[in-house]
Amino acid sequence: MPLQGSRRRFLVQTAGALTSLGLGGCGESLLATRSRKLVGGFAGPSFERGHRLRDRAAIPPADETRQTDVAIIGGGIAGLAAARALQRGGVDDYRLFELEDAIGGNSRAGEVAGFACPWGAHYLPLPGPAGEDVADLLSEFKLRTLVDGRPQYDERHLCHAPQERLYLPEARVWQDGLLPVHGQDEATFAQYRRFAALVREQSQPGQFAIPTSRARWDASLSALDAETFANWLDRHALTASALRWYLDYCCRDDYGAGIDTVSAWAGLHYFASRHGFHAPGEDGEDLEQNLTWPEGNHWLASRLAAPHRERTQTGAITLRIAESAGRVDIDVLDAGSHRVTRWQAQRVIVATPLFIAARLLADPPDALKEAAKTMAYSPWLVANLHVTAPLDARHDQPPLSWDNVIYGSTGLGYVNAMNQSLRSHDGPTVLTCYRAFGDDAEVGRKALLSRSWQDWAEVLIAELAPAHPDLRAKLGDIRIARYGHAMAIPTPGTRSSAWLAALAEPQGRIAFAHADLSGYSVFEEAFDRGLRAGISTAKALRKP
């Protein structure tokens, strides 16, 4: 049966999991008994700071006024890329303001039980033909070199084997790779081949690219953007449950929502802009190569941030941005001192999600108002589970891999933080688990923020228990990060919207720089949008 009704599936499965753990009734629950043995808590972003903007608290008067040529609002990948572009463009007088106490945005990282681990994005695919700017960055970081005109990457940072595996609960086996193969019939394999052919048909030169700003947009892509991916699959009679589950998983992994929610353009872009889709037995079915680190993409973010450390203020809550004659005023509250500074800048780069940008601007343009009203965002949960000893494994099945997924699960599986280690034996590690709630974002956001960390720990343990019945006994510390608006969802109509195109250009003295401008959130898109905003701002400052 095709995977349909993701919204209902999330509600039923999450509610069922919590009820089975005793969360649906009164008195002392089974969860309360079990949770006494758990050690952990919440980590990650500060909701109080973000909610200050949402709740429109009164803006206190400024304690001082200072000047800068450029103010960058937001220290995620887009903001850091903008700072890099300004510096390369000869602009020395700029300031970067970050809400949290650490830079990186969705590429932040931390430690659990002494193990480095990500709190967000954990890998970067090797750049394709359109990814020249990311390739340049990787060369700058000594990850990429040219040998006889061909790129070579530092093997220490390429994802080590074993890379991917999928657990099939009914068969109680792990298989190599994430596309379900074990136990599938010929009809399913035929649909794999048909979908692969359709992806090849869509992969015309210039149609799909990462970053999306390097791809052309035409009527055929607008048509794909007008319907859901599930509807497109229905029209092509792609109904095999294994294929539908896999495509739903891919969309939830990249976009925070499944095939019933994202557009057909997004579903095809996932494959056509990268490595394609290869049915079992077809040429080219090798895994896509990725760069990854124990701390995830924070490895990249920290190096992007290093040259701008003296110009960066963390714990800085931007309260208001107002353009006036000849300048832009930015009121910034220091979370530590509770003092407000009014910065006067010639230009501002707003590298925040668009719905936040709309709250910051005193007079937001119509395109930004429309974006804030219509763009959907997926809530995410990221949990790092310290495992004190190797999990039991059968010798006839694939070993612990970098990426490990449970077939049929609403979760996105887990990443092994020690996969890049060169140690000669298995040992303690941290498993980074991901869950996205974009198929019903409001319900998911409420559940995400209202449940205790113990609730979510039990959900994760129950989800992984079929594959790892010994997990609970080997758990050490559990830390859980919650992101209420983690990433934009490319719902139908988003990518072809007029407001998205309008905001890609500077609005007066204000430029926008965020992956939202691409309609979805990955490192390459954020870097591209920040780079473009930084270049255009540097050029504007050089004009007489």
Protein backbone atom coordinates (compact mmCIF):
# COMPACT_ATOMS: atom_id res chain seq x y z
CA MET A 1 0.00 0.00 0.00
CA PRO A 2 1.47 3.38 -0.96
CA LEU A 3 2.60 5.63 1.85
CA GLN A 4 -0.22 8.16 2.01
CA GLY A 5 -1.49 10.53 4.68
CA SER A 6 1.80 11.54 6.33
CA ARG A 7 -0.01 13.96 8.66
CA ARG A 8 -2.25 11.24 10.06
CA ARG A 9 0.68 8.82 10.18
CA PHE A 10 2.67 11.23 12.37
CA LEU A 11 -0.24 11.87 14.73
CA VAL A 12 -1.18 8.21 15.09
CA GLN A 13 2.34 6.84 15.45
CA THR A 14 3.60 9.54 17.81
CA ALA A 15 0.46 9.40 19.93
CA GLY A 16 0.59 5.60 19.91
CA ALA A 17 4.22 5.54 20.97
CA LEU A 18 3.62 7.97 23.82
CA THR A 19 0.44 6.21 24.95
CA SER A 20 2.19 2.83 24.99
CA LEU A 21 4.75 4.38 27.31
CA GLY A 22 2.08 5.43 29.78
CA LEU A 23 1.82 9.08 28.75
CA GLY A 24 -1.88 8.98 27.98
CA GLY A 25 -3.28 8.37 31.47
CA CYS A 26 -3.09 9.57 35.06
CA GLY A 27 -0.89 8.56 37.94
CA GLU A 28 2.67 7.32 37.82
CA SER A 29 3.37 6.07 34.30
CA LEU A 30 5.68 3.42 32.96
CA LEU A 31 7.66 6.33 31.51
CA ALA A 32 8.13 7.85 34.96
CA THR A 33 9.48 4.53 36.23
CA ARG A 34 11.84 4.08 33.32
CA SER A 35 13.00 7.68 33.14
CA ARG A 36 14.56 7.49 36.59
CA LYS A 37 17.34 5.49 34.96
CA LEU A 38 17.95 8.04 32.20
CA VAL A 39 20.49 10.82 32.39
CA GLY A 40 20.11 13.77 30.07
CA GLY A 41 18.33 16.99 29.26
CA PHE A 42 17.63 19.58 26.60
CA ALA A 43 20.38 21.36 24.68
CA GLY A 44 20.52 23.63 21.66
CA PRO A 45 18.88 26.97 20.82
CA SER A 46 17.30 29.39 23.29
CA PHE A 47 13.56 29.66 22.72
CA GLU A 48 13.31 32.56 25.14
CA ARG A 49 15.45 34.77 22.91
CA GLY A 50 13.61 33.86 19.75
CA HIS A 51 10.21 34.25 21.38
CA ARG A 52 11.09 37.78 22.43
CA LEU A 53 10.73 38.72 18.76
CA ARG A 54 7.59 36.64 18.33
CA ASP A 55 5.90 38.22 21.32
CA ARG A 56 6.92 41.73 20.24
CA ALA A 57 8.20 42.77 23.67
CA ALA A 58 8.70 46.51 24.12
CA ILE A 59 12.02 47.73 22.72
CA PRO A 60 14.01 49.51 25.43
CA PRO A 61 15.84 52.74 24.58
CA ALA A 62 19.41 52.48 23.29
CA ASP A 63 22.23 52.91 25.81
CA GLU A 64 24.69 53.95 23.11
CA THR A 65 24.99 54.53 19.36
CA ARG A 66 27.74 53.09 17.17
CA GLN A 67 28.52 53.04 13.44
CA THR A 68 29.57 50.37 10.97
CA ASP A 69 29.54 50.14 7.19
CA VAL A 70 27.66 46.81 7.11
CA ALA A 71 25.63 44.95 9.73
CA ILE A 72 25.05 41.22 9.17
CA ILE A 73 22.10 39.81 11.11
CA GLY A 74 22.49 36.06 11.66
CA GLY A 75 25.56 33.88 12.14
CA GLY A 76 24.48 30.78 10.27
CA ILE A 77 26.14 29.62 7.07
CA ALA A 78 24.54 32.42 5.01
CA GLY A 79 25.70 35.15 7.40
CA LEU A 80 29.21 33.71 7.56
CA ALA A 81 29.36 33.43 3.76
CA ALA A 82 28.25 37.07 3.49
CA ALA A 83 31.04 38.13 5.87
CA ARG A 84 33.55 36.17 3.80
CA ALA A 85 32.35 37.87 0.60
CA LEU A 86 32.56 41.32 2.20
CA GLN A 87 36.09 40.70 3.40
CA ARG A 88 37.13 39.43 -0.03
CA GLY A 89 35.45 42.47 -1.59
CA GLY A 90 37.60 44.86 0.42
CA VAL A 91 35.06 45.77 3.11
CA ASP A 92 36.74 45.90 6.52
CA ASP A 93 34.12 47.69 8.59
CA TYR A 94 31.33 45.18 9.24
CA ARG A 95 29.70 43.57 12.27
CA LEU A 96 27.97 40.20 12.53
CA PHE A 97 25.24 39.69 15.15
CA GLU A 98 24.18 36.19 16.20
CA LEU A 99 21.22 35.45 18.49
CA GLU A 100 22.70 32.32 20.04
CA ASP A 101 25.86 31.99 22.09
CA ALA A 102 27.56 30.06 19.29
CA ILE A 103 27.71 30.60 15.54
CA GLY A 104 26.69 28.06 12.91
CA GLY A 105 22.90 28.09 12.76
CA ASN A 106 21.79 24.61 11.68
CA SER A 107 25.47 23.63 11.56
CA ARG A 108 26.11 23.98 15.29
CA ALA A 109 27.77 21.18 17.26
CA GLY A 110 28.69 20.22 20.81
CA GLU A 111 29.94 17.40 22.98
CA VAL A 112 28.17 14.60 24.85
CA ALA A 113 30.21 12.50 27.27
CA GLY A 114 33.37 13.88 25.68
CA PHE A 115 32.36 12.94 22.11
CA ALA A 116 32.04 15.65 19.47
CA CYS A 117 28.64 15.43 17.78
CA PRO A 118 26.39 17.57 15.56
CA TRP A 119 23.29 19.48 16.62
CA GLY A 120 22.20 19.82 13.01
CA ALA A 121 23.61 19.18 9.54
CA HIS A 122 26.23 16.44 9.53
CA TYR A 123 27.60 16.14 6.00
CA LEU A 124 28.32 17.92 2.72
CA PRO A 125 28.06 16.14 -0.65
CA LEU A 126 30.98 16.69 -2.99
CA PRO A 127 30.11 19.69 -5.20
CA GLY A 128 28.83 19.07 -8.70
CA PRO A 129 29.47 21.14 -11.84
CA ALA A 130 27.39 24.08 -10.56
CA GLY A 131 29.05 24.10 -7.15
CA GLU A 132 32.12 26.13 -8.08
CA ASP A 133 31.91 28.44 -5.07
CA VAL A 134 31.67 25.57 -2.58
CA ALA A 135 34.54 23.87 -4.41
CA ASP A 136 36.58 27.05 -3.98
CA LEU A 137 35.79 27.03 -0.24
CA LEU A 138 36.85 23.39 0.07
CA SER A 139 40.12 24.21 -1.68
CA GLU A 140 40.66 27.08 0.74
CA PHE A 141 40.21 24.64 3.64
CA LYS A 142 42.72 22.18 2.09
CA LEU A 143 40.02 19.56 1.54
CA ARG A 144 40.22 19.70 -2.24
CA THR A 145 43.18 19.80 -4.64
CA LEU A 146 43.50 19.56 -8.41
CA VAL A 147 45.71 16.80 -9.77
CA ASP A 148 46.14 16.88 -13.55
CA GLY A 149 43.05 19.09 -13.69
CA ARG A 150 40.88 16.63 -11.75
CA PRO A 151 39.63 17.31 -8.21
CA GLN A 152 40.83 15.07 -5.41
CA TYR A 153 39.54 15.20 -1.85
CA ASP A 154 41.30 14.52 1.42
CA GLU A 155 40.30 10.94 2.21
CA ARG A 156 40.45 11.60 5.95
CA HIS A 157 37.30 13.71 5.58
CA LEU A 158 35.42 11.57 3.06
CA CYS A 159 32.76 9.41 4.70
CA HIS A 160 34.39 6.15 5.75
CA ALA A 161 32.86 2.74 5.05
CA PRO A 162 30.50 1.22 6.04
CA GLN A 163 28.34 4.11 4.93
CA GLU A 164 24.63 3.18 4.93
CA ARG A 165 22.40 0.36 6.13
CA LEU A 166 18.66 -0.23 6.52
CA TYR A 167 16.94 -2.34 9.18
CA LEU A 168 13.92 -4.34 8.05
CA PRO A 169 11.85 -5.09 11.19
CA GLU A 170 9.69 -7.87 9.71
CA ALA A 171 12.70 -9.82 8.47
CA ARG A 172 14.83 -8.74 11.46
CA VAL A 173 17.82 -8.10 9.23
CA TRP A 174 20.05 -5.19 8.22
CA GLN A 175 20.80 -4.68 4.53
CA ASP A 176 23.47 -2.55 2.88
CA GLY A 177 22.13 0.72 1.43
CA LEU A 178 18.91 2.57 2.19
CA LEU A 179 16.82 1.61 -0.86
CA PRO A 180 14.81 -1.47 0.24
CA VAL A 181 16.09 -4.50 -1.69
CA HIS A 182 15.87 -7.46 0.67
CA GLY A 183 12.65 -9.42 0.09
CA GLN A 184 11.30 -7.16 -2.67
CA ASP A 185 9.52 -8.70 -5.68
CA GLU A 186 10.15 -8.13 -9.36
CA ALA A 187 7.24 -5.67 -9.63
CA THR A 188 8.98 -3.39 -7.13
CA PHE A 189 12.31 -3.65 -8.96
CA ALA A 190 10.49 -2.75 -12.19
CA GLN A 191 9.16 0.41 -10.53
CA TYR A 192 12.68 1.24 -9.31
CA ARG A 193 13.86 1.06 -12.92
CA ARG A 194 10.93 3.14 -14.17
CA PHE A 195 11.53 5.87 -11.59
CA ALA A 196 15.24 5.88 -12.51
CA ALA A 197 14.29 6.42 -16.18
CA LEU A 198 11.95 9.29 -15.26
CA VAL A 199 14.69 10.97 -13.23
CA ARG A 200 17.05 10.68 -16.21
CA GLU A 201 14.40 12.30 -18.42
CA GLN A 202 14.17 15.23 -16.01
CA SER A 203 17.94 15.61 -15.71
CA GLN A 204 18.33 17.89 -18.70
CA PRO A 205 21.41 20.16 -18.71
CA GLY A 206 20.78 23.28 -16.67
CA GLN A 207 17.34 22.29 -15.36
CA PHE A 208 18.34 21.07 -11.92
CA ALA A 209 21.42 22.27 -10.08
CA ILE A 210 22.81 22.95 -6.62
CA PRO A 211 22.77 25.81 -5.89
CA THR A 212 19.40 26.47 -7.49
CA SER A 213 20.49 29.95 -8.59
CA ARG A 214 22.62 28.22 -11.25
CA ALA A 215 19.62 26.40 -12.76
CA ARG A 216 17.22 27.82 -15.30
CA TRP A 217 13.53 28.06 -14.50
CA ASP A 218 10.91 27.32 -17.13
CA ALA A 219 7.28 26.35 -17.54
CA SER A 220 7.97 22.63 -17.13
CA LEU A 221 9.55 23.22 -13.74
CA SER A 222 6.69 25.52 -12.72
CA ALA A 223 4.30 22.67 -13.54
CA LEU A 224 6.28 20.31 -11.30
CA ASP A 225 6.27 22.93 -8.57
CA ALA A 226 2.47 23.18 -8.72
CA GLU A 227 1.70 19.65 -7.46
CA THR A 228 2.85 17.42 -4.63
CA PHE A 229 5.43 14.75 -5.21
CA ALA A 230 2.90 12.12 -4.12
CA ASN A 231 0.48 13.29 -6.81
CA TRP A 232 3.24 13.14 -9.44
CA LEU A 233 4.08 9.58 -8.36
CA ASP A 234 0.39 8.65 -8.59
CA ARG A 235 0.16 10.01 -12.13
CA HIS A 236 3.12 7.83 -13.12
CA ALA A 237 1.66 4.75 -11.40
CA LEU A 238 4.61 4.48 -9.02
CA THR A 239 2.78 2.74 -6.19
CA ALA A 240 5.26 0.21 -4.78
CA SER A 241 5.29 0.64 -1.00
CA ALA A 242 9.08 0.20 -0.74
CA LEU A 243 9.72 2.89 -3.36
CA ARG A 244 7.19 5.26 -1.80
CA TRP A 245 8.72 4.78 1.66
CA TYR A 246 12.22 5.44 0.34
CA LEU A 247 11.20 8.61 -1.52
CA ASP A 248 9.24 9.79 1.52
CA TYR A 249 12.32 9.21 3.69
CA CYS A 250 14.54 11.17 1.27
CA CYS A 251 12.16 14.14 1.28
CA ARG A 252 11.83 14.15 5.06
CA ASP A 253 15.61 13.94 5.36
CA ASP A 254 16.31 16.92 3.07
CA TYR A 255 13.14 19.00 3.38
CA GLY A 256 11.65 18.10 6.76
CA ALA A 257 8.39 16.80 5.22
CA GLY A 258 7.30 13.86 3.11
CA ILE A 259 6.01 13.22 -0.39
CA ASP A 260 2.46 14.33 0.48
CA THR A 261 3.73 17.77 1.50
CA VAL A 262 6.66 18.75 -0.74
CA SER A 263 6.35 19.65 -4.41
CA ALA A 264 7.17 17.33 -7.28
CA TRP A 265 9.93 19.77 -8.23
CA ALA A 266 11.52 19.24 -4.79
CA GLY A 267 11.17 15.46 -4.95
CA LEU A 268 12.86 15.28 -8.35
CA HIS A 269 15.42 17.96 -7.48
CA TYR A 270 16.69 15.72 -4.68
CA PHE A 271 17.92 13.23 -7.29
CA ALA A 272 18.27 15.15 -10.56
CA SER A 273 20.51 17.86 -9.06
CA ARG A 274 22.92 15.32 -7.56
CA HIS A 275 23.70 11.71 -8.31
CA GLY A 276 20.44 10.66 -9.97
CA PHE A 277 18.56 7.54 -8.96
CA HIS A 278 19.93 4.12 -9.85
CA ALA A 279 17.90 0.95 -9.61
CA PRO A 280 19.67 -2.14 -8.25
CA GLY A 281 21.93 -3.60 -10.93
CA GLU A 282 22.15 -0.39 -12.97
CA ASP A 283 25.45 1.32 -13.68
CA GLY A 284 26.22 4.18 -11.34
CA GLU A 285 24.52 2.80 -8.24
CA ASP A 286 27.59 3.53 -6.12
CA LEU A 287 26.96 5.72 -3.10
CA GLU A 288 27.26 9.47 -3.36
CA GLN A 289 30.49 10.64 -1.76
CA ASN A 290 30.15 12.95 1.22
CA LEU A 291 32.46 14.94 3.44
CA THR A 292 31.64 14.45 7.10
CA TRP A 293 33.09 15.00 10.56
CA PRO A 294 32.23 13.87 14.11
CA GLU A 295 30.91 17.40 14.79
CA GLY A 296 29.10 17.52 11.43
CA ASN A 297 29.11 20.69 9.36
CA HIS A 298 30.30 22.72 12.33
CA TRP A 299 33.75 21.73 11.08
CA LEU A 300 33.05 24.01 8.12
CA ALA A 301 31.15 26.67 10.07
CA SER A 302 33.93 27.15 12.61
CA ARG A 303 36.49 27.71 9.86
CA LEU A 304 34.17 30.10 8.05
CA ALA A 305 33.73 32.05 11.28
CA ALA A 306 37.39 32.23 12.36
CA PRO A 307 38.44 35.28 10.23
CA HIS A 308 35.48 37.30 11.54
CA ARG A 309 35.74 36.53 15.26
CA GLU A 310 36.67 40.09 16.27
CA ARG A 311 33.71 41.48 14.32
CA THR A 312 31.19 38.94 15.65
CA GLN A 313 28.87 39.44 18.63
CA THR A 314 27.06 36.36 19.91
CA GLY A 315 24.17 36.50 22.34
CA ALA A 316 23.00 39.50 20.33
CA ILE A 317 19.22 39.85 20.01
CA THR A 318 18.39 42.08 17.07
CA LEU A 319 15.19 43.89 17.97
CA ARG A 320 14.48 46.25 15.10
CA ILE A 321 15.83 47.26 11.69
CA ALA A 322 14.67 50.61 10.31
CA GLU A 323 15.87 52.23 7.10
CA SER A 324 16.09 56.02 7.14
CA ALA A 325 17.68 58.71 4.97
CA GLY A 326 21.20 57.62 4.16
CA ARG A 327 21.47 54.80 6.71
CA VAL A 328 19.87 51.85 8.48
CA ASP A 329 19.35 51.77 12.26
CA ILE A 330 19.67 48.40 14.01
CA ASP A 331 18.77 48.02 17.69
CA VAL A 332 20.68 45.11 19.29
CA LEU A 333 20.15 43.82 22.83
CA ASP A 334 23.12 42.11 24.50
CA ALA A 335 21.76 39.00 26.24
CA GLY A 336 24.46 39.19 28.92
CA SER A 337 24.46 42.85 29.89
CA HIS A 338 20.84 43.60 28.85
CA ARG A 339 22.10 46.81 27.24
CA VAL A 340 20.78 47.99 23.88
CA THR A 341 23.11 49.42 21.26
CA ARG A 342 21.80 51.29 18.22
CA TRP A 343 24.05 50.50 15.28
CA GLN A 344 23.93 52.84 12.30
CA ALA A 345 24.99 51.11 9.09
CA GLN A 346 25.19 52.06 5.45
CA ARG A 347 23.97 48.59 4.46
CA VAL A 348 22.41 45.59 6.20
CA ILE A 349 22.46 41.92 5.24
CA VAL A 350 19.60 40.05 6.92
CA ALA A 351 20.72 36.41 7.07
CA THR A 352 17.80 35.08 9.09
CA PRO A 353 14.79 32.97 8.07
CA LEU A 354 12.33 35.14 6.19
CA PHE A 355 9.60 34.96 8.82
CA ILE A 356 12.07 36.38 11.35
CA ALA A 357 13.25 39.05 8.90
CA ALA A 358 9.62 40.19 8.54
CA ARG A 359 9.44 40.73 12.31
CA LEU A 360 12.73 42.61 12.47
CA LEU A 361 12.07 45.17 9.75
CA ALA A 362 10.10 48.22 10.83
CA ASP A 363 8.68 48.51 7.31
CA PRO A 364 8.97 45.12 5.57
CA PRO A 365 8.46 45.07 1.79
CA ASP A 366 5.32 43.40 0.46
CA ALA A 367 7.33 40.46 -0.87
CA LEU A 368 8.70 39.78 2.61
CA LYS A 369 5.24 40.00 4.16
CA GLU A 370 3.98 37.47 1.62
CA ALA A 371 6.93 35.16 2.29
CA ALA A 372 6.34 35.27 6.03
CA LYS A 373 2.66 34.51 5.52
CA THR A 374 3.00 31.62 3.08
CA MET A 375 6.33 29.85 3.71
CA ALA A 376 6.05 26.69 5.82
CA TYR A 377 8.77 25.57 8.24
CA SER A 378 9.49 22.13 9.60
CA PRO A 379 10.16 21.56 13.30
CA TRP A 380 13.07 19.20 14.01
CA LEU A 381 14.37 17.19 16.93
CA VAL A 382 18.05 16.24 17.10
CA ALA A 383 19.11 13.89 19.89
CA ASN A 384 22.61 12.73 20.79
CA LEU A 385 22.62 9.41 22.63
CA HIS A 386 25.82 8.35 24.37
CA VAL A 387 26.23 4.56 24.06
CA THR A 388 28.67 3.23 26.65
CA ALA A 389 29.45 -0.06 24.87
CA PRO A 390 29.05 -1.46 21.35
CA LEU A 391 25.50 -2.48 20.50
CA ASP A 392 24.99 -6.18 19.89
CA ALA A 393 25.34 -7.20 16.26
CA ARG A 394 24.97 -10.39 14.26
CA HIS A 395 28.12 -11.34 12.44
CA ASP A 396 26.22 -12.21 9.23
CA GLN A 397 24.77 -8.68 8.88
CA PRO A 398 26.22 -5.26 7.97
CA PRO A 399 28.03 -3.62 10.91
CA LEU A 400 27.28 -0.25 12.49
CA SER A 401 27.44 2.27 9.65
CA TRP A 402 27.66 6.03 9.34
CA ASP A 403 23.94 6.32 8.50
CA ASN A 404 21.53 3.77 10.01
CA VAL A 405 17.80 3.83 9.23
CA ILE A 406 14.79 1.77 10.39
CA TYR A 407 12.43 0.85 7.54
CA GLY A 408 8.90 2.14 8.09
CA SER A 409 9.90 4.46 10.92
CA THR A 410 8.72 8.08 11.16
CA GLY A 411 12.20 8.95 12.44
CA LEU A 412 15.18 9.47 10.18
CA GLY A 413 17.46 6.97 11.88
CA TYR A 414 20.80 7.86 13.40
CA VAL A 415 24.36 8.78 12.49
CA ASN A 416 27.36 7.23 14.24
CA ALA A 417 29.59 10.07 15.47
CA MET A 418 32.63 7.77 15.60
CA ASN A 419 32.38 6.54 12.02
CA GLN A 420 35.37 8.68 11.01
CA SER A 421 37.51 7.29 13.83
CA LEU A 422 40.51 5.13 12.91
CA ARG A 423 40.34 3.09 16.11
CA SER A 424 40.80 -0.63 15.47
CA HIS A 425 37.93 -1.82 17.67
CA ASP A 426 34.35 -0.90 18.46
CA GLY A 427 33.73 1.04 21.62
CA PRO A 428 31.59 3.79 23.15
CA THR A 429 30.11 6.28 20.72
CA VAL A 430 27.34 8.83 20.25
CA LEU A 431 24.36 8.15 18.01
CA THR A 432 22.79 11.30 16.56
CA CYS A 433 19.08 10.76 15.94
CA TYR A 434 16.93 12.99 13.72
CA ARG A 435 13.16 13.50 13.52
CA ALA A 436 11.27 15.97 11.31
CA PHE A 437 7.67 17.09 11.88
CA GLY A 438 6.88 19.11 8.76
CA ASP A 439 3.88 17.08 7.56
CA ASP A 440 1.79 18.79 10.23
CA ALA A 441 4.09 21.52 11.44
CA GLU A 442 1.80 23.19 13.98
CA VAL A 443 0.89 19.92 15.69
CA GLY A 444 4.50 18.77 15.52
CA ARG A 445 5.79 22.06 16.92
CA LYS A 446 3.39 21.92 19.85
CA ALA A 447 4.37 18.34 20.68
CA LEU A 448 8.06 19.10 20.24
CA LEU A 449 8.05 22.02 22.67
CA SER A 450 5.56 20.69 25.25
CA ARG A 451 7.01 17.23 25.88
CA SER A 452 9.77 16.65 28.42
CA TRP A 453 13.17 15.39 27.37
CA GLN A 454 12.32 12.10 29.10
CA ASP A 455 9.23 11.73 26.89
CA TRP A 456 11.28 12.14 23.75
CA ALA A 457 14.06 9.88 25.03
CA GLU A 458 11.50 7.09 25.50
CA VAL A 459 10.09 7.64 22.00
CA LEU A 460 13.59 7.32 20.53
CA ILE A 461 14.41 4.22 22.56
CA ALA A 462 11.14 2.58 21.51
CA GLU A 463 11.78 3.48 17.87
CA LEU A 464 15.24 1.90 17.86
CA ALA A 465 14.39 -1.06 20.10
CA PRO A 466 13.45 -3.49 17.28
CA ALA A 467 16.97 -3.15 15.87
CA HIS A 468 18.75 -2.58 19.19
CA PRO A 469 16.99 -4.30 22.12
CA ASP A 470 20.13 -3.71 24.23
CA LEU A 471 20.11 0.06 23.68
CA ARG A 472 18.51 1.03 26.99
CA ALA A 473 20.99 -0.99 29.03
CA LYS A 474 23.93 0.70 27.29
CA LEU A 475 22.67 4.28 27.33
CA GLY A 476 24.66 6.95 29.09
CA ASP A 477 23.83 10.63 28.63
CA ILE A 478 20.99 11.75 26.32
CA ARG A 479 20.86 15.34 25.08
CA ILE A 480 18.01 16.64 22.93
CA ALA A 481 17.85 19.81 20.81
CA ARG A 482 14.55 21.20 19.53
CA TYR A 483 14.14 23.50 16.53
CA GLY A 484 10.66 24.95 16.21
CA HIS A 485 11.30 26.36 12.70
CA ALA A 486 14.36 24.43 11.58
CA MET A 487 14.01 24.67 7.81
CA ALA A 488 11.78 25.92 5.02
CA ILE A 489 9.63 23.28 3.34
CA PRO A 490 9.41 23.43 -0.49
CA THR A 491 5.63 23.04 -0.63
CA PRO A 492 3.85 23.39 -4.00
CA GLY A 493 4.19 26.92 -5.36
CA THR A 494 7.10 27.95 -3.13
CA ARG A 495 9.94 27.67 -5.63
CA SER A 496 8.08 29.53 -8.40
CA SER A 497 6.65 32.28 -6.18
CA ALA A 498 7.12 35.91 -7.20
CA TRP A 499 8.12 36.94 -3.66
CA LEU A 500 11.03 34.50 -3.64
CA ALA A 501 12.43 36.00 -6.82
CA ALA A 502 11.89 39.57 -5.55
CA LEU A 503 13.72 38.99 -2.27
CA ALA A 504 16.75 37.57 -4.05
CA GLU A 505 17.50 41.19 -5.03
CA PRO A 506 18.46 43.96 -2.56
CA GLN A 507 15.56 46.02 -1.22
CA GLY A 508 16.97 49.53 -0.84
CA ARG A 509 19.87 49.37 1.61
CA ILE A 510 18.85 45.90 2.82
CA ALA A 511 19.85 42.59 1.25
CA PHE A 512 18.45 39.22 2.26
CA ALA A 513 20.68 36.18 2.55
CA HIS A 514 19.25 32.85 3.64
CA ALA A 515 18.58 29.38 2.25
CA ASP A 516 14.88 30.31 2.42
CA LEU A 517 15.50 32.20 -0.83
CA SER A 518 16.06 28.84 -2.51
CA GLY A 519 12.88 27.39 -1.04
CA TYR A 520 14.66 24.77 1.07
CA SER A 521 17.62 24.47 3.42
CA VAL A 522 21.01 22.87 2.73
CA PHE A 523 24.56 24.13 3.23
CA GLU A 524 25.16 24.86 -0.46
CA GLU A 525 22.05 27.04 -0.79
CA ALA A 526 22.79 29.03 2.38
CA PHE A 527 26.39 29.57 1.30
CA ASP A 528 25.32 30.71 -2.18
CA ARG A 529 22.72 33.18 -0.88
CA GLY A 530 25.16 34.66 1.63
CA LEU A 531 27.89 34.92 -0.97
CA ARG A 532 25.61 36.74 -3.41
CA ALA A 533 24.37 39.18 -0.79
CA GLY A 534 27.93 39.92 0.33
CA ILE A 535 29.16 40.53 -3.22
CA SER A 536 26.25 42.85 -4.10
CA THR A 537 26.67 44.77 -0.83
CA ALA A 538 30.42 45.23 -1.36
CA LYS A 539 29.76 46.54 -4.88
CA ALA A 540 27.13 48.98 -3.59
CA LEU A 541 29.58 50.40 -1.05
CA ARG A 542 32.19 50.99 -3.74
CA LYS A 543 29.83 53.14 -5.82
CA PRO A 544 30.59 56.89 -5.55
